[in-house]
PDB file of all heavy atoms in Angstrom:
ATOM      1  N   ALA A   1      85.920  82.362  91.545  1.00  0.00           N
ATOM      2  CA  ALA A   1      84.723  83.138  91.174  1.00  0.00           C
ATOM      3  C   ALA A   1      84.193  83.872  92.393  1.00  0.00           C
ATOM      4  O   ALA A   1      84.107  83.320  93.478  1.00  0.00           O
ATOM      5  CB  ALA A   1      83.677  82.220  90.578  1.00  0.00           C
ATOM      6  N   GLY A   2      83.778  85.114  92.187  1.00  0.00           N
ATOM      7  CA  GLY A   2      83.126  85.894  93.221  1.00  0.00           C
ATOM      8  C   GLY A   2      81.606  85.849  93.030  1.00  0.00           C
ATOM      9  O   GLY A   2      81.106  85.158  92.126  1.00  0.00           O
ATOM     10  N   PRO A   3      80.854  86.570  93.825  1.00  0.00           N
ATOM     11  CA  PRO A   3      79.396  86.561  93.691  1.00  0.00           C
ATOM     12  C   PRO A   3      78.950  87.251  92.397  1.00  0.00           C
ATOM     13  O   PRO A   3      79.591  88.169  91.903  1.00  0.00           O
ATOM     14  CB  PRO A   3      78.916  87.351  94.916  1.00  0.00           C
ATOM     15  CG  PRO A   3      80.071  88.263  95.232  1.00  0.00           C
ATOM     16  CD  PRO A   3      81.314  87.485  94.908  1.00  0.00           C
ATOM     17  N   SER A   4      77.851  86.793  91.854  1.00  0.00           N
ATOM     18  CA  SER A   4      77.299  87.417  90.662  1.00  0.00           C
ATOM     19  C   SER A   4      76.686  88.778  91.030  1.00  0.00           C
ATOM     20  O   SER A   4      76.156  88.970  92.132  1.00  0.00           O
ATOM     21  CB  SER A   4      76.207  86.535  90.067  1.00  0.00           C
ATOM     22  OG  SER A   4      76.751  85.306  89.615  1.00  0.00           O
ATOM     23  N   ILE A   5      76.763  89.709  90.103  1.00  0.00           N
ATOM     24  CA  ILE A   5      76.214  91.036  90.302  1.00  0.00           C
ATOM     25  C   ILE A   5      74.676  90.983  90.238  1.00  0.00           C
ATOM     26  O   ILE A   5      74.148  90.304  89.382  1.00  0.00           O
ATOM     27  CB  ILE A   5      76.774  92.023  89.264  1.00  0.00           C
ATOM     28  CG1 ILE A   5      78.301  92.152  89.448  1.00  0.00           C
ATOM     29  CG2 ILE A   5      76.118  93.384  89.370  1.00  0.00           C
ATOM     30  CD1 ILE A   5      78.983  92.967  88.373  1.00  0.00           C
ATOM     31  N   PRO A   6      73.975  91.666  91.119  1.00  0.00           N
ATOM     32  CA  PRO A   6      72.524  91.555  91.154  1.00  0.00           C
ATOM     33  C   PRO A   6      71.848  91.949  89.859  1.00  0.00           C
ATOM     34  O   PRO A   6      72.309  92.861  89.126  1.00  0.00           O
ATOM     35  CB  PRO A   6      72.120  92.542  92.286  1.00  0.00           C
ATOM     36  CG  PRO A   6      73.333  92.684  93.111  1.00  0.00           C
ATOM     37  CD  PRO A   6      74.503  92.553  92.166  1.00  0.00           C
ATOM     38  N   PHE A   7      70.751  91.261  89.537  1.00  0.00           N
ATOM     39  CA  PHE A   7      69.876  91.596  88.414  1.00  0.00           C
ATOM     40  C   PHE A   7      70.624  91.638  87.073  1.00  0.00           C
ATOM     41  O   PHE A   7      70.279  92.418  86.189  1.00  0.00           O
ATOM     42  CB  PHE A   7      69.164  92.948  88.657  1.00  0.00           C
ATOM     43  CG  PHE A   7      68.440  93.003  89.972  1.00  0.00           C
ATOM     44  CD1 PHE A   7      68.885  93.840  90.961  1.00  0.00           C
ATOM     45  CD2 PHE A   7      67.303  92.193  90.182  1.00  0.00           C
ATOM     46  CE1 PHE A   7      68.174  93.897  92.195  1.00  0.00           C
ATOM     47  CE2 PHE A   7      66.643  92.244  91.408  1.00  0.00           C
ATOM     48  CZ  PHE A   7      67.060  93.083  92.414  1.00  0.00           C
ATOM     49  N   SER A   8      71.665  90.778  86.956  1.00  0.00           N
ATOM     50  CA  SER A   8      72.433  90.648  85.740  1.00  0.00           C
ATOM     51  C   SER A   8      73.007  91.989  85.261  1.00  0.00           C
ATOM     52  O   SER A   8      73.134  92.239  84.061  1.00  0.00           O
ATOM     53  CB  SER A   8      71.567  90.028  84.613  1.00  0.00           C
ATOM     54  OG  SER A   8      71.173  88.704  84.966  1.00  0.00           O
ATOM     55  N   GLN A   9      73.349  92.837  86.195  1.00  0.00           N
ATOM     56  CA  GLN A   9      73.982  94.119  85.877  1.00  0.00           C
ATOM     57  C   GLN A   9      75.491  93.937  85.722  1.00  0.00           C
ATOM     58  O   GLN A   9      76.040  92.881  85.993  1.00  0.00           O
ATOM     59  CB  GLN A   9      73.675  95.141  86.956  1.00  0.00           C
ATOM     60  CG  GLN A   9      72.206  95.478  87.114  1.00  0.00           C
ATOM     61  CD  GLN A   9      71.979  96.499  88.192  1.00  0.00           C
ATOM     62  OE1 GLN A   9      71.821  97.687  87.941  1.00  0.00           O
ATOM     63  NE2 GLN A   9      71.971  96.060  89.441  1.00  0.00           N
ATOM     64  N   GLY A  10      76.135  95.013  85.303  1.00  0.00           N
ATOM     65  CA  GLY A  10      77.564  95.019  85.133  1.00  0.00           C
ATOM     66  C   GLY A  10      78.135  96.380  85.384  1.00  0.00           C
ATOM     67  O   GLY A  10      77.422  97.317  85.732  1.00  0.00           O
ATOM     68  N   ALA A  11      79.452  96.526  85.165  1.00  0.00           N
ATOM     69  CA  ALA A  11      80.138  97.774  85.419  1.00  0.00           C
ATOM     70  C   ALA A  11      81.043  98.121  84.246  1.00  0.00           C
ATOM     71  O   ALA A  11      82.266  98.109  84.330  1.00  0.00           O
ATOM     72  CB  ALA A  11      80.949  97.699  86.711  1.00  0.00           C
ATOM     73  N   PRO A  12      80.417  98.465  83.087  1.00  0.00           N
ATOM     74  CA  PRO A  12      81.245  98.861  81.934  1.00  0.00           C
ATOM     75  C   PRO A  12      81.801 100.276  82.125  1.00  0.00           C
ATOM     76  O   PRO A  12      81.094 101.253  81.939  1.00  0.00           O
ATOM     77  CB  PRO A  12      80.232  98.818  80.748  1.00  0.00           C
ATOM     78  CG  PRO A  12      78.905  99.038  81.387  1.00  0.00           C
ATOM     79  CD  PRO A  12      78.984  98.464  82.781  1.00  0.00           C
ATOM     80  N   ASP A  13      83.074 100.356  82.532  1.00  0.00           N
ATOM     81  CA  ASP A  13      83.688 101.641  82.854  1.00  0.00           C
ATOM     82  C   ASP A  13      82.845 102.353  83.924  1.00  0.00           C
ATOM     83  O   ASP A  13      82.058 103.252  83.598  1.00  0.00           O
ATOM     84  CB  ASP A  13      83.829 102.521  81.624  1.00  0.00           C
ATOM     85  CG  ASP A  13      85.148 102.283  80.897  1.00  0.00           C
ATOM     86  OD1 ASP A  13      86.000 101.590  81.473  1.00  0.00           O
ATOM     87  OD2 ASP A  13      85.317 102.825  79.796  1.00  0.00           O
ATOM     88  N   ALA A  14      83.027 101.964  85.145  1.00  0.00           N
ATOM     89  CA  ALA A  14      82.171 102.491  86.210  1.00  0.00           C
ATOM     90  C   ALA A  14      83.019 102.834  87.449  1.00  0.00           C
ATOM     91  O   ALA A  14      83.895 102.047  87.827  1.00  0.00           O
ATOM     92  CB  ALA A  14      81.109 101.447  86.581  1.00  0.00           C
ATOM     93  N   ALA A  15      82.689 103.944  88.063  1.00  0.00           N
ATOM     94  CA  ALA A  15      83.407 104.385  89.267  1.00  0.00           C
ATOM     95  C   ALA A  15      83.029 103.453  90.455  1.00  0.00           C
ATOM     96  O   ALA A  15      81.927 102.983  90.579  1.00  0.00           O
ATOM     97  CB  ALA A  15      83.060 105.801  89.577  1.00  0.00           C
ATOM     98  N   ALA A  16      84.041 103.295  91.348  1.00  0.00           N
ATOM     99  CA  ALA A  16      83.826 102.575  92.592  1.00  0.00           C
ATOM    100  C   ALA A  16      84.892 103.067  93.591  1.00  0.00           C
ATOM    101  O   ALA A  16      85.886 103.669  93.181  1.00  0.00           O
ATOM    102  CB  ALA A  16      83.954 101.086  92.402  1.00  0.00           C
ATOM    103  N   ALA A  17      84.656 102.842  94.871  1.00  0.00           N
ATOM    104  CA  ALA A  17      85.592 103.293  95.890  1.00  0.00           C
ATOM    105  C   ALA A  17      85.508 102.383  97.117  1.00  0.00           C
ATOM    106  O   ALA A  17      84.408 101.903  97.454  1.00  0.00           O
ATOM    107  CB  ALA A  17      85.302 104.727  96.287  1.00  0.00           C
ATOM    108  N   MET A  18      86.659 102.172  97.756  1.00  0.00           N
ATOM    109  CA  MET A  18      86.650 101.448  99.024  1.00  0.00           C
ATOM    110  C   MET A  18      86.370 102.411 100.181  1.00  0.00           C
ATOM    111  O   MET A  18      87.051 103.419 100.326  1.00  0.00           O
ATOM    112  CB  MET A  18      87.931 100.707  99.284  1.00  0.00           C
ATOM    113  CG  MET A  18      87.934  99.970 100.636  1.00  0.00           C
ATOM    114  SD  MET A  18      89.433  99.050 100.987  1.00  0.00           S
ATOM    115  CE  MET A  18      89.187  97.622  99.939  1.00  0.00           C
ATOM    116  N   LEU A  19      85.383 102.048 101.010  1.00  0.00           N
ATOM    117  CA  LEU A  19      85.045 102.831 102.162  1.00  0.00           C
ATOM    118  C   LEU A  19      85.956 102.399 103.331  1.00  0.00           C
ATOM    119  O   LEU A  19      86.515 101.311 103.332  1.00  0.00           O
ATOM    120  CB  LEU A  19      83.583 102.635 102.565  1.00  0.00           C
ATOM    121  CG  LEU A  19      82.579 102.946 101.454  1.00  0.00           C
ATOM    122  CD1 LEU A  19      81.188 102.580 101.936  1.00  0.00           C
ATOM    123  CD2 LEU A  19      82.658 104.395 101.034  1.00  0.00           C
ATOM    124  N   PRO A  20      86.139 103.250 104.394  1.00  0.00           N
ATOM    125  CA  PRO A  20      86.983 102.870 105.509  1.00  0.00           C
ATOM    126  C   PRO A  20      86.506 101.624 106.249  1.00  0.00           C
ATOM    127  O   PRO A  20      87.279 100.992 106.936  1.00  0.00           O
ATOM    128  CB  PRO A  20      86.913 104.118 106.406  1.00  0.00           C
ATOM    129  CG  PRO A  20      86.589 105.257 105.484  1.00  0.00           C
ATOM    130  CD  PRO A  20      85.690 104.669 104.449  1.00  0.00           C
ATOM    131  N   ASN A  21      85.226 101.262 106.100  1.00  0.00           N
ATOM    132  CA  ASN A  21      84.749 100.038 106.733  1.00  0.00           C
ATOM    133  C   ASN A  21      85.003  98.791 105.910  1.00  0.00           C
ATOM    134  O   ASN A  21      84.599  97.657 106.281  1.00  0.00           O
ATOM    135  CB  ASN A  21      83.262 100.144 107.048  1.00  0.00           C
ATOM    136  CG  ASN A  21      82.394 100.389 105.838  1.00  0.00           C
ATOM    137  OD1 ASN A  21      82.813 100.156 104.695  1.00  0.00           O
ATOM    138  ND2 ASN A  21      81.173 100.867 106.018  1.00  0.00           N
ATOM    139  N   GLY A  22      85.693  98.943 104.792  1.00  0.00           N
ATOM    140  CA  GLY A  22      86.044  97.810 103.936  1.00  0.00           C
ATOM    141  C   GLY A  22      85.038  97.506 102.848  1.00  0.00           C
ATOM    142  O   GLY A  22      85.304  96.713 101.963  1.00  0.00           O
ATOM    143  N   HIS A  23      83.839  98.125 102.915  1.00  0.00           N
ATOM    144  CA  HIS A  23      82.853  97.921 101.855  1.00  0.00           C
ATOM    145  C   HIS A  23      83.303  98.647 100.602  1.00  0.00           C
ATOM    146  O   HIS A  23      84.083  99.587 100.636  1.00  0.00           O
ATOM    147  CB  HIS A  23      81.495  98.457 102.316  1.00  0.00           C
ATOM    148  CG  HIS A  23      80.875  97.687 103.432  1.00  0.00           C
ATOM    149  ND1 HIS A  23      79.590  97.929 103.875  1.00  0.00           N
ATOM    150  CD2 HIS A  23      81.349  96.659 104.214  1.00  0.00           C
ATOM    151  CE1 HIS A  23      79.306  97.112 104.881  1.00  0.00           C
ATOM    152  NE2 HIS A  23      80.364  96.342 105.096  1.00  0.00           N
ATOM    153  N   ILE A  24      82.749  98.207  99.451  1.00  0.00           N
ATOM    154  CA  ILE A  24      82.993  98.855  98.173  1.00  0.00           C
ATOM    155  C   ILE A  24      81.729  99.595  97.763  1.00  0.00           C
ATOM    156  O   ILE A  24      80.672  98.955  97.619  1.00  0.00           O
ATOM    157  CB  ILE A  24      83.409  97.856  97.098  1.00  0.00           C
ATOM    158  CG1 ILE A  24      84.590  97.015  97.555  1.00  0.00           C
ATOM    159  CG2 ILE A  24      83.721  98.578  95.788  1.00  0.00           C
ATOM    160  CD1 ILE A  24      85.861  97.793  97.810  1.00  0.00           C
ATOM    161  N   LEU A  25      81.815 100.889  97.571  1.00  0.00           N
ATOM    162  CA  LEU A  25      80.734 101.674  96.988  1.00  0.00           C
ATOM    163  C   LEU A  25      80.902 101.628  95.447  1.00  0.00           C
ATOM    164  O   LEU A  25      81.964 101.967  94.967  1.00  0.00           O
ATOM    165  CB  LEU A  25      80.803 103.128  97.509  1.00  0.00           C
ATOM    166  CG  LEU A  25      79.777 104.102  96.912  1.00  0.00           C
ATOM    167  CD1 LEU A  25      78.365 103.745  97.380  1.00  0.00           C
ATOM    168  CD2 LEU A  25      80.124 105.522  97.307  1.00  0.00           C
ATOM    169  N   LEU A  26      79.868 101.169  94.734  1.00  0.00           N
ATOM    170  CA  LEU A  26      80.039 101.003  93.312  1.00  0.00           C
ATOM    171  C   LEU A  26      78.816 101.420  92.531  1.00  0.00           C
ATOM    172  O   LEU A  26      77.700 101.496  93.077  1.00  0.00           O
ATOM    173  CB  LEU A  26      80.393  99.544  92.962  1.00  0.00           C
ATOM    174  CG  LEU A  26      79.389  98.448  93.214  1.00  0.00           C
ATOM    175  CD1 LEU A  26      79.691  97.226  92.328  1.00  0.00           C
ATOM    176  CD2 LEU A  26      79.356  98.007  94.651  1.00  0.00           C
ATOM    177  N   THR A  27      79.039 101.708  91.246  1.00  0.00           N
ATOM    178  CA  THR A  27      77.966 102.058  90.327  1.00  0.00           C
ATOM    179  C   THR A  27      77.815 100.902  89.325  1.00  0.00           C
ATOM    180  O   THR A  27      78.793 100.333  88.871  1.00  0.00           O
ATOM    181  CB  THR A  27      78.271 103.346  89.565  1.00  0.00           C
ATOM    182  OG1 THR A  27      79.550 103.259  88.936  1.00  0.00           O
ATOM    183  CG2 THR A  27      78.307 104.532  90.505  1.00  0.00           C
ATOM    184  N   LEU A  28      76.550 100.600  88.953  1.00  0.00           N
ATOM    185  CA  LEU A  28      76.251  99.484  88.064  1.00  0.00           C
ATOM    186  C   LEU A  28      75.231  99.953  87.024  1.00  0.00           C
ATOM    187  O   LEU A  28      74.532 100.947  87.220  1.00  0.00           O
ATOM    188  CB  LEU A  28      75.707  98.293  88.829  1.00  0.00           C
ATOM    189  CG  LEU A  28      76.636  97.660  89.861  1.00  0.00           C
ATOM    190  CD1 LEU A  28      75.855  96.623  90.681  1.00  0.00           C
ATOM    191  CD2 LEU A  28      77.860  97.019  89.210  1.00  0.00           C
ATOM    192  N   SER A  29      75.133  99.184  85.941  1.00  0.00           N
ATOM    193  CA  SER A  29      74.115  99.453  84.918  1.00  0.00           C
ATOM    194  C   SER A  29      73.725  98.110  84.300  1.00  0.00           C
ATOM    195  O   SER A  29      74.343  97.077  84.576  1.00  0.00           O
ATOM    196  CB  SER A  29      74.688 100.375  83.848  1.00  0.00           C
ATOM    197  OG  SER A  29      75.604  99.663  83.001  1.00  0.00           O
ATOM    198  N   PRO A  30      72.714  98.084  83.428  1.00  0.00           N
ATOM    199  CA  PRO A  30      72.464  96.857  82.668  1.00  0.00           C
ATOM    200  C   PRO A  30      73.710  96.481  81.885  1.00  0.00           C
ATOM    201  O   PRO A  30      74.524  97.362  81.528  1.00  0.00           O
ATOM    202  CB  PRO A  30      71.309  97.251  81.750  1.00  0.00           C
ATOM    203  CG  PRO A  30      70.612  98.369  82.488  1.00  0.00           C
ATOM    204  CD  PRO A  30      71.701  99.139  83.161  1.00  0.00           C
ATOM    205  N   THR A  31      73.888  95.216  81.586  1.00  0.00           N
ATOM    206  CA  THR A  31      75.057  94.803  80.849  1.00  0.00           C
ATOM    207  C   THR A  31      74.989  95.269  79.404  1.00  0.00           C
ATOM    208  O   THR A  31      73.910  95.400  78.842  1.00  0.00           O
ATOM    209  CB  THR A  31      75.221  93.260  80.892  1.00  0.00           C
ATOM    210  OG1 THR A  31      73.975  92.682  80.491  1.00  0.00           O
ATOM    211  CG2 THR A  31      75.564  92.801  82.258  1.00  0.00           C
ATOM    212  N   PRO A  32      76.137  95.542  78.785  1.00  0.00           N
ATOM    213  CA  PRO A  32      76.142  96.043  77.430  1.00  0.00           C
ATOM    214  C   PRO A  32      75.544  95.049  76.393  1.00  0.00           C
ATOM    215  O   PRO A  32      75.556  93.837  76.615  1.00  0.00           O
ATOM    216  CB  PRO A  32      77.620  96.281  77.155  1.00  0.00           C
ATOM    217  CG  PRO A  32      78.235  96.433  78.518  1.00  0.00           C
ATOM    218  CD  PRO A  32      77.464  95.505  79.405  1.00  0.00           C
ATOM    219  N   THR A  33      75.067  95.624  75.325  1.00  0.00           N
ATOM    220  CA  THR A  33      74.606  94.845  74.175  1.00  0.00           C
ATOM    221  C   THR A  33      75.298  95.381  72.908  1.00  0.00           C
ATOM    222  O   THR A  33      75.940  96.447  72.974  1.00  0.00           O
ATOM    223  CB  THR A  33      73.068  94.948  74.010  1.00  0.00           C
ATOM    224  OG1 THR A  33      72.754  96.314  73.668  1.00  0.00           O
ATOM    225  CG2 THR A  33      72.366  94.544  75.290  1.00  0.00           C
ATOM    226  N   SER A  34      75.130  94.705  71.821  1.00  0.00           N
ATOM    227  CA  SER A  34      75.710  95.209  70.573  1.00  0.00           C
ATOM    228  C   SER A  34      75.117  96.531  70.157  1.00  0.00           C
ATOM    229  O   SER A  34      75.780  97.328  69.461  1.00  0.00           O
ATOM    230  CB  SER A  34      75.514  94.170  69.466  1.00  0.00           C
ATOM    231  OG  SER A  34      74.143  93.898  69.261  1.00  0.00           O
ATOM    232  N   ALA A  35      73.892  96.802  70.585  1.00  0.00           N
ATOM    233  CA  ALA A  35      73.239  98.050  70.207  1.00  0.00           C
ATOM    234  C   ALA A  35      73.487  99.162  71.228  1.00  0.00           C
ATOM    235  O   ALA A  35      73.288 100.334  70.901  1.00  0.00           O
ATOM    236  CB  ALA A  35      71.734  97.821  70.060  1.00  0.00           C
ATOM    237  N   ASP A  36      73.928  98.847  72.414  1.00  0.00           N
ATOM    238  CA  ASP A  36      74.114  99.842  73.465  1.00  0.00           C
ATOM    239  C   ASP A  36      75.259  99.413  74.367  1.00  0.00           C
ATOM    240  O   ASP A  36      75.120  98.534  75.233  1.00  0.00           O
ATOM    241  CB  ASP A  36      72.826  99.994  74.288  1.00  0.00           C
ATOM    242  CG  ASP A  36      72.877 101.189  75.234  1.00  0.00           C
ATOM    243  OD1 ASP A  36      73.959 101.811  75.339  1.00  0.00           O
ATOM    244  OD2 ASP A  36      71.823 101.506  75.818  1.00  0.00           O
ATOM    245  N   LEU A  37      76.445  99.999  74.119  1.00  0.00           N
ATOM    246  CA  LEU A  37      77.655  99.606  74.857  1.00  0.00           C
ATOM    247  C   LEU A  37      77.636 100.139  76.297  1.00  0.00           C
ATOM    248  O   LEU A  37      78.307  99.569  77.169  1.00  0.00           O
ATOM    249  CB  LEU A  37      78.891 100.140  74.124  1.00  0.00           C
ATOM    250  CG  LEU A  37      79.107  99.675  72.705  1.00  0.00           C
ATOM    251  CD1 LEU A  37      80.438 100.207  72.185  1.00  0.00           C
ATOM    252  CD2 LEU A  37      79.061  98.159  72.607  1.00  0.00           C
ATOM    253  N   PHE A  38      76.900 101.242  76.533  1.00  0.00           N
ATOM    254  CA  PHE A  38      76.856 101.857  77.872  1.00  0.00           C
ATOM    255  C   PHE A  38      75.431 102.146  78.232  1.00  0.00           C
ATOM    256  O   PHE A  38      74.983 103.277  78.227  1.00  0.00           O
ATOM    257  CB  PHE A  38      77.735 103.109  77.903  1.00  0.00           C
ATOM    258  CG  PHE A  38      79.177 102.853  77.623  1.00  0.00           C
ATOM    259  CD1 PHE A  38      79.694 102.941  76.347  1.00  0.00           C
ATOM    260  CD2 PHE A  38      80.039 102.495  78.658  1.00  0.00           C
ATOM    261  CE1 PHE A  38      81.031 102.714  76.091  1.00  0.00           C
ATOM    262  CE2 PHE A  38      81.372 102.241  78.412  1.00  0.00           C
ATOM    263  CZ  PHE A  38      81.858 102.360  77.119  1.00  0.00           C
ATOM    264  N   PRO A  39      74.656 101.107  78.559  1.00  0.00           N
ATOM    265  CA  PRO A  39      73.222 101.262  78.791  1.00  0.00           C
ATOM    266  C   PRO A  39      72.944 102.008  80.125  1.00  0.00           C
ATOM    267  O   PRO A  39      73.825 102.129  80.988  1.00  0.00           O
ATOM    268  CB  PRO A  39      72.698  99.851  78.846  1.00  0.00           C
ATOM    269  CG  PRO A  39      73.888  99.003  79.253  1.00  0.00           C
ATOM    270  CD  PRO A  39      75.084  99.687  78.657  1.00  0.00           C
ATOM    271  N   SER A  40      71.749 102.455  80.260  1.00  0.00           N
ATOM    272  CA  SER A  40      71.293 103.113  81.479  1.00  0.00           C
ATOM    273  C   SER A  40      70.078 102.350  82.002  1.00  0.00           C
ATOM    274  O   SER A  40      69.503 101.516  81.279  1.00  0.00           O
ATOM    275  CB  SER A  40      70.919 104.567  81.185  1.00  0.00           C
ATOM    276  OG  SER A  40      69.850 104.645  80.263  1.00  0.00           O
TER     277      SER A  40
END
């Protein structure tokens, strides 16, 4: 298991990239629900 994503967010189809310093630049959103698969 890795670390939990902050504030119970997730990455439902979300862009990310590895930076030359080894960090990951990523986009997150609230986690999906039955009423909203891709929340903002």
